[in-house]
């Protein structure tokens, strides 16, 4: 691993830390009991976007259903809350 940037920073009055010139907007934070903090960049995907692979699988499933190829019905009554 190569270090590209190192700098000192401090928390502001609202307990925030500034990351300078970051290429990412979101991070996953892991804090350890020894004070070490690891920030891992995250790229969030819009929840309305569905991958091509998922769309293909859904199309295939619908085609199978239309042809009558389907599994047995699942009884979900056992999962209901008992009142």
PDB file of N, CA and C in Angstrom:
ATOM      1  N   UNK A   1       0.841  -1.178   0.000  1.00  0.00           N
ATOM      2  CA  UNK A   1       0.000   0.000   0.000  1.00  0.00           C
ATOM      3  C   UNK A   1       0.884   1.238   0.000  1.00  0.00           C
ATOM      4  N   UNK A   2       0.506   2.210  -0.794  1.00  0.00           N
ATOM      5  CA  UNK A   2       1.259   3.448  -0.884  1.00  0.00           C
ATOM      6  C   UNK A   2       0.454   4.575  -0.257  1.00  0.00           C
ATOM      7  N   UNK A   3       1.100   5.355   0.583  1.00  0.00           N
ATOM      8  CA  UNK A   3       0.452   6.513   1.189  1.00  0.00           C
ATOM      9  C   UNK A   3       0.471   7.637   0.169  1.00  0.00           C
ATOM     10  N   UNK A   4      -0.696   8.182  -0.158  1.00  0.00           N
ATOM     11  CA  UNK A   4      -0.760   9.276  -1.134  1.00  0.00           C
ATOM     12  C   UNK A   4      -0.858  10.635  -0.459  1.00  0.00           C
ATOM     13  N   UNK A   5      -1.542  10.698   0.667  1.00  0.00           N
ATOM     14  CA  UNK A   5      -1.697  11.962   1.393  1.00  0.00           C
ATOM     15  C   UNK A   5      -1.735  11.681   2.877  1.00  0.00           C
ATOM     16  N   UNK A   6      -1.055  12.503   3.641  1.00  0.00           N
ATOM     17  CA  UNK A   6      -1.130  12.453   5.102  1.00  0.00           C
ATOM     18  C   UNK A   6      -1.241  13.869   5.615  1.00  0.00           C
ATOM     19  N   UNK A   7      -2.117  14.088   6.570  1.00  0.00           N
ATOM     20  CA  UNK A   7      -2.218  15.402   7.186  1.00  0.00           C
ATOM     21  C   UNK A   7      -2.850  15.267   8.554  1.00  0.00           C
ATOM     22  N   UNK A   8      -2.664  16.270   9.363  1.00  0.00           N
ATOM     23  CA  UNK A   8      -3.246  16.320  10.697  1.00  0.00           C
ATOM     24  C   UNK A   8      -4.547  17.106  10.627  1.00  0.00           C
ATOM     25  N   UNK A   9      -5.528  16.675  11.390  1.00  0.00           N
ATOM     26  CA  UNK A   9      -6.792  17.394  11.463  1.00  0.00           C
ATOM     27  C   UNK A   9      -7.308  17.292  12.888  1.00  0.00           C
ATOM     28  N   UNK A  10      -8.320  18.070  13.213  1.00  0.00           N
ATOM     29  CA  UNK A  10      -8.916  17.982  14.550  1.00  0.00           C
ATOM     30  C   UNK A  10     -10.416  18.109  14.424  1.00  0.00           C
ATOM     31  N   UNK A  11     -11.108  17.641  15.408  1.00  0.00           N
ATOM     32  CA  UNK A  11     -12.559  17.746  15.416  1.00  0.00           C
ATOM     33  C   UNK A  11     -12.966  19.190  15.644  1.00  0.00           C
ATOM     34  N   UNK A  12     -14.004  19.631  14.954  1.00  0.00           N
ATOM     35  CA  UNK A  12     -14.498  20.981  15.193  1.00  0.00           C
ATOM     36  C   UNK A  12     -15.459  20.966  16.389  1.00  0.00           C
ATOM     37  N   UNK A  13     -16.120  22.074  16.638  1.00  0.00           N
ATOM     38  CA  UNK A  13     -16.985  22.177  17.815  1.00  0.00           C
ATOM     39  C   UNK A  13     -18.194  21.240  17.742  1.00  0.00           C
ATOM     40  N   UNK A  14     -18.531  20.792  16.543  1.00  0.00           N
ATOM     41  CA  UNK A  14     -19.648  19.858  16.377  1.00  0.00           C
ATOM     42  C   UNK A  14     -19.161  18.424  16.224  1.00  0.00           C
ATOM     43  N   UNK A  15     -17.911  18.164  16.619  1.00  0.00           N
ATOM     44  CA  UNK A  15     -17.301  16.827  16.586  1.00  0.00           C
ATOM     45  C   UNK A  15     -17.162  16.284  15.160  1.00  0.00           C
ATOM     46  N   UNK A  16     -16.907  17.190  14.180  1.00  0.00           N
ATOM     47  CA  UNK A  16     -16.733  16.777  12.799  1.00  0.00           C
ATOM     48  C   UNK A  16     -15.263  16.871  12.417  1.00  0.00           C
ATOM     49  N   UNK A  17     -14.876  16.039  11.464  1.00  0.00           N
ATOM     50  CA  UNK A  17     -13.513  16.023  10.955  1.00  0.00           C
ATOM     51  C   UNK A  17     -13.586  16.267   9.451  1.00  0.00           C
ATOM     52  N   UNK A  18     -12.732  17.113   8.915  1.00  0.00           N
ATOM     53  CA  UNK A  18     -12.755  17.448   7.500  1.00  0.00           C
ATOM     54  C   UNK A  18     -11.732  16.593   6.754  1.00  0.00           C
ATOM     55  N   UNK A  19     -12.159  16.016   5.638  1.00  0.00           N
ATOM     56  CA  UNK A  19     -11.259  15.269   4.768  1.00  0.00           C
ATOM     57  C   UNK A  19     -11.018  16.146   3.543  1.00  0.00           C
ATOM     58  N   UNK A  20      -9.778  16.537   3.337  1.00  0.00           N
ATOM     59  CA  UNK A  20      -9.459  17.479   2.268  1.00  0.00           C
ATOM     60  C   UNK A  20      -9.385  16.790   0.907  1.00  0.00           C
ATOM     61  N   UNK A  21      -9.914  17.472  -0.097  1.00  0.00           N
ATOM     62  CA  UNK A  21      -9.831  17.033  -1.501  1.00  0.00           C
ATOM     63  C   UNK A  21     -10.184  15.561  -1.691  1.00  0.00           C
ATOM     64  N   UNK A  22     -11.221  15.096  -1.037  1.00  0.00           N
ATOM     65  CA  UNK A  22     -11.617  13.701  -1.130  1.00  0.00           C
ATOM     66  C   UNK A  22     -12.263  13.406  -2.482  1.00  0.00           C
ATOM     67  N   UNK A  23     -11.975  12.232  -3.012  1.00  0.00           N
ATOM     68  CA  UNK A  23     -12.580  11.795  -4.263  1.00  0.00           C
ATOM     69  C   UNK A  23     -13.947  11.165  -4.004  1.00  0.00           C
ATOM     70  N   UNK A  24     -14.248  10.927  -2.733  1.00  0.00           N
ATOM     71  CA  UNK A  24     -15.487  10.236  -2.367  1.00  0.00           C
ATOM     72  C   UNK A  24     -16.323  11.107  -1.448  1.00  0.00           C
ATOM     73  N   UNK A  25     -17.632  10.870  -1.488  1.00  0.00           N
ATOM     74  CA  UNK A  25     -18.545  11.619  -0.625  1.00  0.00           C
ATOM     75  C   UNK A  25     -18.947  10.812   0.608  1.00  0.00           C
ATOM     76  N   UNK A  26     -18.965   9.490   0.493  1.00  0.00           N
ATOM     77  CA  UNK A  26     -19.405   8.630   1.586  1.00  0.00           C
ATOM     78  C   UNK A  26     -18.284   7.690   2.027  1.00  0.00           C
ATOM     79  N   UNK A  27     -18.264   7.403   3.323  1.00  0.00           N
ATOM     80  CA  UNK A  27     -17.252   6.523   3.887  1.00  0.00           C
ATOM     81  C   UNK A  27     -17.881   5.584   4.904  1.00  0.00           C
ATOM     82  N   UNK A  28     -17.315   4.398   5.015  1.00  0.00           N
ATOM     83  CA  UNK A  28     -17.665   3.482   6.087  1.00  0.00           C
ATOM     84  C   UNK A  28     -16.615   3.694   7.180  1.00  0.00           C
ATOM     85  N   UNK A  29     -17.047   3.937   8.394  1.00  0.00           N
ATOM     86  CA  UNK A  29     -16.136   4.240   9.495  1.00  0.00           C
ATOM     87  C   UNK A  29     -16.053   3.043  10.437  1.00  0.00           C
ATOM     88  N   UNK A  30     -14.822   2.648  10.769  1.00  0.00           N
ATOM     89  CA  UNK A  30     -14.595   1.604  11.765  1.00  0.00           C
ATOM     90  C   UNK A  30     -13.726   2.201  12.856  1.00  0.00           C
ATOM     91  N   UNK A  31     -14.232   2.205  14.074  1.00  0.00           N
ATOM     92  CA  UNK A  31     -13.474   2.730  15.214  1.00  0.00           C
ATOM     93  C   UNK A  31     -13.054   1.579  16.115  1.00  0.00           C
ATOM     94  N   UNK A  32     -11.819   1.626  16.591  1.00  0.00           N
ATOM     95  CA  UNK A  32     -11.286   0.597  17.482  1.00  0.00           C
ATOM     96  C   UNK A  32     -11.092   1.166  18.881  1.00  0.00           C
ATOM     97  N   UNK A  33     -11.041   0.266  19.869  1.00  0.00           N
ATOM     98  CA  UNK A  33     -10.927   0.717  21.253  1.00  0.00           C
ATOM     99  C   UNK A  33      -9.591   1.393  21.551  1.00  0.00           C
ATOM    100  N   UNK A  34      -8.594   1.234  20.684  1.00  0.00           N
ATOM    101  CA  UNK A  34      -7.308   1.887  20.902  1.00  0.00           C
ATOM    102  C   UNK A  34      -7.256   3.281  20.268  1.00  0.00           C
ATOM    103  N   UNK A  35      -8.380   3.759  19.695  1.00  0.00           N
ATOM    104  CA  UNK A  35      -8.443   5.087  19.112  1.00  0.00           C
ATOM    105  C   UNK A  35      -8.248   5.104  17.604  1.00  0.00           C
ATOM    106  N   UNK A  36      -7.860   3.996  17.028  1.00  0.00           N
ATOM    107  CA  UNK A  36      -7.648   3.929  15.588  1.00  0.00           C
ATOM    108  C   UNK A  36      -8.981   4.029  14.860  1.00  0.00           C
ATOM    109  N   UNK A  37      -9.004   4.835  13.793  1.00  0.00           N
ATOM    110  CA  UNK A  37     -10.202   5.019  12.988  1.00  0.00           C
ATOM    111  C   UNK A  37      -9.840   4.717  11.534  1.00  0.00           C
ATOM    112  N   UNK A  38     -10.638   3.867  10.888  1.00  0.00           N
ATOM    113  CA  UNK A  38     -10.412   3.542   9.482  1.00  0.00           C
ATOM    114  C   UNK A  38     -11.614   4.018   8.684  1.00  0.00           C
ATOM    115  N   UNK A  39     -11.343   4.789   7.636  1.00  0.00           N
ATOM    116  CA  UNK A  39     -12.390   5.260   6.733  1.00  0.00           C
ATOM    117  C   UNK A  39     -12.224   4.523   5.414  1.00  0.00           C
ATOM    118  N   UNK A  40     -13.276   3.846   4.978  1.00  0.00           N
ATOM    119  CA  UNK A  40     -13.251   3.157   3.702  1.00  0.00           C
ATOM    120  C   UNK A  40     -14.247   3.832   2.768  1.00  0.00           C
ATOM    121  N   UNK A  41     -13.810   4.258   1.588  1.00  0.00           N
ATOM    122  CA  UNK A  41     -14.730   4.952   0.688  1.00  0.00           C
ATOM    123  C   UNK A  41     -15.859   4.044   0.231  1.00  0.00           C
ATOM    124  N   UNK A  42     -17.029   4.628   0.075  1.00  0.00           N
ATOM    125  CA  UNK A  42     -18.205   3.901  -0.387  1.00  0.00           C
ATOM    126  C   UNK A  42     -18.824   4.668  -1.553  1.00  0.00           C
ATOM    127  N   UNK A  43     -19.293   3.928  -2.523  1.00  0.00           N
ATOM    128  CA  UNK A  43     -20.027   4.516  -3.628  1.00  0.00           C
ATOM    129  C   UNK A  43     -21.447   3.995  -3.515  1.00  0.00           C
ATOM    130  N   UNK A  44     -22.376   4.883  -3.259  1.00  0.00           N
ATOM    131  CA  UNK A  44     -23.765   4.480  -3.067  1.00  0.00           C
ATOM    132  C   UNK A  44     -24.485   4.427  -4.409  1.00  0.00           C
ATOM    133  N   UNK A  45     -25.358   3.468  -4.548  1.00  0.00           N
ATOM    134  CA  UNK A  45     -26.139   3.288  -5.770  1.00  0.00           C
ATOM    135  C   UNK A  45     -27.571   3.701  -5.476  1.00  0.00           C
ATOM    136  N   UNK A  46     -28.181   4.384  -6.399  1.00  0.00           N
ATOM    137  CA  UNK A  46     -29.565   4.796  -6.209  1.00  0.00           C
ATOM    138  C   UNK A  46     -30.439   3.559  -6.065  1.00  0.00           C
ATOM    139  N   UNK A  47     -31.330   3.536  -5.083  1.00  0.00           N
ATOM    140  CA  UNK A  47     -32.153   2.346  -4.857  1.00  0.00           C
ATOM    141  C   UNK A  47     -33.114   2.047  -6.000  1.00  0.00           C
ATOM    142  N   UNK A  48     -33.385   3.031  -6.853  1.00  0.00           N
ATOM    143  CA  UNK A  48     -34.295   2.798  -7.975  1.00  0.00           C
ATOM    144  C   UNK A  48     -33.592   2.111  -9.136  1.00  0.00           C
ATOM    145  N   UNK A  49     -32.269   2.062  -9.108  1.00  0.00           N
ATOM    146  CA  UNK A  49     -31.531   1.409 -10.175  1.00  0.00           C
ATOM    147  C   UNK A  49     -31.423  -0.089  -9.894  1.00  0.00           C
ATOM    148  N   UNK A  50     -31.750  -0.891 -10.887  1.00  0.00           N
ATOM    149  CA  UNK A  50     -31.657  -2.340 -10.755  1.00  0.00           C
ATOM    150  C   UNK A  50     -30.620  -2.816 -11.762  1.00  0.00           C
ATOM    151  N   UNK A  51     -29.736  -3.681 -11.333  1.00  0.00           N
ATOM    152  CA  UNK A  51     -28.664  -4.139 -12.215  1.00  0.00           C
ATOM    153  C   UNK A  51     -29.221  -4.933 -13.395  1.00  0.00           C
ATOM    154  N   UNK A  52     -28.457  -4.973 -14.471  1.00  0.00           N
ATOM    155  CA  UNK A  52     -28.868  -5.729 -15.662  1.00  0.00           C
ATOM    156  C   UNK A  52     -29.027  -7.208 -15.336  1.00  0.00           C
ATOM    157  N   UNK A  53     -28.134  -7.713 -14.489  1.00  0.00           N
ATOM    158  CA  UNK A  53     -28.183  -9.117 -14.112  1.00  0.00           C
ATOM    159  C   UNK A  53     -29.506  -9.433 -13.402  1.00  0.00           C
ATOM    160  N   UNK A  54     -29.923  -8.553 -12.502  1.00  0.00           N
ATOM    161  CA  UNK A  54     -31.176  -8.747 -11.771  1.00  0.00           C
ATOM    162  C   UNK A  54     -32.372  -8.668 -12.725  1.00  0.00           C
ATOM    163  N   UNK A  55     -32.342  -7.702 -13.657  1.00  0.00           N
ATOM    164  CA  UNK A  55     -33.435  -7.578 -14.618  1.00  0.00           C
ATOM    165  C   UNK A  55     -33.537  -8.827 -15.498  1.00  0.00           C
ATOM    166  N   UNK A  56     -32.386  -9.362 -15.929  1.00  0.00           N
ATOM    167  CA  UNK A  56     -32.391 -10.593 -16.725  1.00  0.00           C
ATOM    168  C   UNK A  56     -33.003 -11.756 -15.945  1.00  0.00           C
ATOM    169  N   UNK A  57     -32.623 -11.862 -14.671  1.00  0.00           N
ATOM    170  CA  UNK A  57     -33.146 -12.939 -13.831  1.00  0.00           C
ATOM    171  C   UNK A  57     -34.663 -12.797 -13.666  1.00  0.00           C
ATOM    172  N   UNK A  58     -35.138 -11.565 -13.475  1.00  0.00           N
ATOM    173  CA  UNK A  58     -36.572 -11.331 -13.322  1.00  0.00           C
ATOM    174  C   UNK A  58     -37.323 -11.684 -14.613  1.00  0.00           C
ATOM    175  N   UNK A  59     -36.765 -11.295 -15.766  1.00  0.00           N
ATOM    176  CA  UNK A  59     -37.394 -11.631 -17.049  1.00  0.00           C
ATOM    177  C   UNK A  59     -37.474 -13.139 -17.235  1.00  0.00           C
ATOM    178  N   UNK A  60     -36.406 -13.831 -16.873  1.00  0.00           N
ATOM    179  CA  UNK A  60     -36.368 -15.287 -16.987  1.00  0.00           C
ATOM    180  C   UNK A  60     -37.424 -15.921 -16.071  1.00  0.00           C
ATOM    181  N   UNK A  61     -37.544 -15.406 -14.862  1.00  0.00           N
ATOM    182  CA  UNK A  61     -38.514 -15.931 -13.900  1.00  0.00           C
ATOM    183  C   UNK A  61     -39.945 -15.745 -14.391  1.00  0.00           C
ATOM    184  N   UNK A  62     -40.241 -14.580 -14.946  1.00  0.00           N
ATOM    185  CA  UNK A  62     -41.586 -14.314 -15.459  1.00  0.00           C
ATOM    186  C   UNK A  62     -41.883 -15.226 -16.643  1.00  0.00           C
ATOM    187  N   UNK A  63     -40.890 -15.424 -17.516  1.00  0.00           N
ATOM    188  CA  UNK A  63     -41.079 -16.320 -18.665  1.00  0.00           C
ATOM    189  C   UNK A  63     -41.373 -17.749 -18.197  1.00  0.00           C
ATOM    190  N   UNK A  64     -40.665 -18.214 -17.180  1.00  0.00           N
ATOM    191  CA  UNK A  64     -40.907 -19.551 -16.629  1.00  0.00           C
ATOM    192  C   UNK A  64     -42.314 -19.632 -16.035  1.00  0.00           C
ATOM    193  N   UNK A  65     -42.716 -18.593 -15.326  1.00  0.00           N
ATOM    194  CA  UNK A  65     -44.037 -18.581 -14.706  1.00  0.00           C
ATOM    195  C   UNK A  65     -45.140 -18.644 -15.768  1.00  0.00           C
ATOM    196  N   UNK A  66     -44.951 -17.891 -16.860  1.00  0.00           N
ATOM    197  CA  UNK A  66     -45.951 -17.891 -17.940  1.00  0.00           C
ATOM    198  C   UNK A  66     -46.051 -19.259 -18.605  1.00  0.00           C
ATOM    199  N   UNK A  67     -44.949 -20.006 -18.627  1.00  0.00           N
ATOM    200  CA  UNK A  67     -44.939 -21.351 -19.217  1.00  0.00           C
ATOM    201  C   UNK A  67     -45.453 -22.408 -18.238  1.00  0.00           C
ATOM    202  N   UNK A  68     -45.769 -21.967 -17.017  1.00  0.00           N
ATOM    203  CA  UNK A  68     -46.280 -22.896 -16.017  1.00  0.00           C
ATOM    204  C   UNK A  68     -45.193 -23.598 -15.226  1.00  0.00           C
ATOM    205  N   UNK A  69     -43.961 -23.180 -15.411  1.00  0.00           N
ATOM    206  CA  UNK A  69     -42.855 -23.767 -14.654  1.00  0.00           C
ATOM    207  C   UNK A  69     -42.697 -22.988 -13.356  1.00  0.00           C
ATOM    208  N   UNK A  70     -43.226 -23.538 -12.303  1.00  0.00           N
ATOM    209  CA  UNK A  70     -43.094 -22.859 -11.010  1.00  0.00           C
ATOM    210  C   UNK A  70     -43.010 -23.906  -9.909  1.00  0.00           C
ATOM    211  N   UNK A  71     -42.459 -23.489  -8.808  1.00  0.00           N
ATOM    212  CA  UNK A  71     -42.339 -24.386  -7.666  1.00  0.00           C
ATOM    213  C   UNK A  71     -43.653 -24.488  -6.915  1.00  0.00           C
ATOM    214  N   UNK A  72     -43.630 -25.298  -5.868  1.00  0.00           N
ATOM    215  CA  UNK A  72     -44.822 -25.461  -5.039  1.00  0.00           C
ATOM    216  C   UNK A  72     -45.068 -24.181  -4.243  1.00  0.00           C
ATOM    217  N   UNK A  73     -46.327 -23.958  -3.909  1.00  0.00           N
ATOM    218  CA  UNK A  73     -46.687 -22.792  -3.106  1.00  0.00           C
ATOM    219  C   UNK A  73     -46.077 -22.922  -1.711  1.00  0.00           C
ATOM    220  N   UNK A  74     -45.683 -21.811  -1.148  1.00  0.00           N
ATOM    221  CA  UNK A  74     -45.094 -21.786   0.190  1.00  0.00           C
ATOM    222  C   UNK A  74     -46.160 -21.332   1.179  1.00  0.00           C
ATOM    223  N   UNK A  75     -46.322 -22.069   2.259  1.00  0.00           N
ATOM    224  CA  UNK A  75     -47.290 -21.716   3.294  1.00  0.00           C
ATOM    225  C   UNK A  75     -46.637 -20.718   4.244  1.00  0.00           C
ATOM    226  N   UNK A  76     -47.098 -19.478   4.217  1.00  0.00           N
ATOM    227  CA  UNK A  76     -46.532 -18.436   5.060  1.00  0.00           C
ATOM    228  C   UNK A  76     -47.301 -18.222   6.354  1.00  0.00           C
ATOM    229  N   UNK A  77     -48.355 -19.022   6.573  1.00  0.00           N
ATOM    230  CA  UNK A  77     -49.164 -18.868   7.782  1.00  0.00           C
ATOM    231  C   UNK A  77     -48.349 -19.071   9.052  1.00  0.00           C
ATOM    232  N   UNK A  78     -47.354 -19.919   8.995  1.00  0.00           N
ATOM    233  CA  UNK A  78     -46.545 -20.178  10.191  1.00  0.00           C
ATOM    234  C   UNK A  78     -45.703 -18.973  10.594  1.00  0.00           C
ATOM    235  N   UNK A  79     -45.536 -18.016   9.677  1.00  0.00           N
ATOM    236  CA  UNK A  79     -44.730 -16.830   9.974  1.00  0.00           C
ATOM    237  C   UNK A  79     -45.538 -15.675  10.537  1.00  0.00           C
ATOM    238  N   UNK A  80     -46.851 -15.792  10.528  1.00  0.00           N
ATOM    239  CA  UNK A  80     -47.710 -14.728  11.028  1.00  0.00           C
ATOM    240  C   UNK A  80     -47.609 -14.617  12.545  1.00  0.00           C
ATOM    241  N   UNK A  81     -47.820 -13.410  13.051  1.00  0.00           N
ATOM    242  CA  UNK A  81     -47.854 -13.199  14.501  1.00  0.00           C
ATOM    243  C   UNK A  81     -49.112 -13.829  15.065  1.00  0.00           C
ATOM    244  N   UNK A  82     -48.941 -14.515  16.140  1.00  0.00           N
ATOM    245  CA  UNK A  82     -50.087 -15.132  16.838  1.00  0.00           C
ATOM    246  C   UNK A  82     -50.644 -14.107  17.807  1.00  0.00           C
ATOM    247  N   UNK A  83     -51.903 -13.781  17.653  1.00  0.00           N
ATOM    248  CA  UNK A  83     -52.511 -12.778  18.538  1.00  0.00           C
ATOM    249  C   UNK A  83     -53.428 -13.410  19.526  1.00  0.00           C
TER     250      UNK A  83
END
